[in-house]
Protein backbone atom coordinates (compact mmCIF):
# COMPACT_ATOMS: atom_id res chain seq x y z
CA MET A 1 1.20 -39.75 -43.25
CA SER A 2 0.29 -36.51 -44.92
CA ALA A 3 2.05 -35.27 -48.02
CA VAL A 4 3.42 -32.22 -46.20
CA VAL A 5 5.05 -34.32 -43.48
CA HIS A 6 6.46 -36.64 -46.13
CA ILE A 7 7.94 -33.70 -48.06
CA VAL A 8 9.43 -32.17 -44.89
CA LEU A 9 10.99 -35.47 -43.85
CA THR A 10 12.42 -35.95 -47.35
CA VAL A 11 13.97 -32.46 -47.31
CA VAL A 12 15.40 -33.09 -43.83
CA GLU A 13 16.85 -36.40 -44.99
CA ILE A 14 18.45 -34.75 -48.01
CA LEU A 15 19.88 -31.98 -45.82
CA LEU A 16 21.32 -34.56 -43.41
CA LEU A 17 22.86 -36.41 -46.32
CA VAL A 18 24.45 -33.20 -47.62
CA VAL A 19 25.78 -32.35 -44.14
CA VAL A 20 27.25 -35.82 -43.67
CA LEU A 21 28.88 -35.69 -47.09
CA ALA A 22 30.29 -32.24 -46.36
CA VAL A 23 31.78 -33.43 -43.07
CA TYR A 24 33.23 -36.47 -44.78
CA LEU A 25 34.79 -34.31 -47.50
CA VAL A 26 36.29 -31.94 -44.92
CA ILE A 27 37.85 -34.87 -43.06
CA LEU A 28 39.14 -36.33 -46.32
CA ALA A 29 40.63 -32.96 -47.33
CA ARG A 30 42.47 -32.72 -43.99
CA GLN A 31 43.90 -36.20 -44.40
CA LEU A 32 45.00 -35.47 -47.95
CA ARG A 33 46.71 -32.26 -46.80
CA ALA A 34 48.53 -34.20 -44.09
CA ILE A 35 49.62 -36.80 -46.63
CA ALA A 36 50.80 -34.08 -49.00
CA ASP A 37 52.83 -32.45 -46.21
CA SER A 38 54.41 -35.80 -45.32
CA ILE A 39 55.28 -36.45 -48.94
CA GLY A 40 56.83 -32.98 -49.19
CA GLN A 41 59.00 -33.65 -46.14
CA LEU A 42 59.95 -37.05 -47.49
CA SER A 43 60.93 -35.49 -50.81
CA VAL A 44 63.26 -33.04 -49.07
CA ARG A 45 64.85 -35.85 -47.06
CA VAL A 46 65.33 -37.99 -50.16
CA GLN A 47 67.00 -35.09 -51.96
CA THR A 48 69.29 -34.51 -48.98
CA THR A 49 70.19 -38.19 -48.85
CA GLU A 50 70.83 -38.22 -52.59
CA GLU A 51 73.20 -35.25 -52.28
CA ARG A 52 75.10 -36.92 -49.47
CA LEU A 53 75.36 -40.23 -51.30
CA ARG A 54 76.49 -38.59 -54.53
CA ASP A 55 79.94 -38.05 -52.98
CA LEU A 56 80.02 -41.61 -51.70
CA GLY A 57 80.28 -43.17 -55.18
CA PRO A 58 83.82 -42.02 -56.00
CA ALA A 59 84.93 -42.67 -52.41
CA ALA A 60 83.58 -46.22 -52.59
CA ALA A 61 85.53 -46.78 -55.80
CA GLU A 62 88.71 -45.61 -54.08
CA VAL A 63 88.07 -47.87 -51.09
CA ASN A 64 87.41 -50.83 -53.39
CA THR A 65 90.66 -50.17 -55.25
CA ALA A 66 92.59 -49.97 -51.97
CA LEU A 67 90.99 -53.19 -50.73
CA SER A 68 91.79 -54.95 -53.99
CA ASP A 69 95.43 -53.87 -53.70
CA LEU A 70 95.48 -55.04 -50.10
CA ARG A 71 94.01 -58.42 -51.04
CA SER A 72 96.63 -58.99 -53.72
CA GLY A 73 99.35 -57.92 -51.27
CA LEU A 74 98.10 -60.26 -48.56
CA ALA A 75 98.12 -63.37 -50.76
CA PRO A 76 101.90 -63.89 -50.46
CA VAL A 77 101.77 -63.18 -46.72
CA ALA A 78 99.05 -65.82 -46.32
CA GLU A 79 101.11 -68.34 -48.21
CA LYS A 80 104.15 -67.68 -46.00
CA ALA A 81 101.99 -68.00 -42.88
CA THR A 82 100.60 -71.30 -44.12
CA ARG A 83 104.10 -72.64 -44.77
CA ALA A 84 105.32 -71.42 -41.39
CA ALA A 85 102.39 -73.14 -39.67
CA ARG A 86 103.26 -76.46 -41.31
CA VAL A 87 106.81 -76.40 -40.06
């Protein structure tokens, strides 16, 4: 093989390598943009969920207090029902 042909083939190989790397980087950039968009949407949804759940904390405390009062009020009723069932 002559030196000229060898040089031309080497330059063509290098150009192909550069083109393949460029295509790969373009594809990778698109995927990273898509991931960034998804993360942005997820961030907005998490913030919305956090805002909605922020009000749930005090409400849950109120519900727990009401359930605790109900439990203590039902204890005597359960005892009476147990005694009535034995009779």
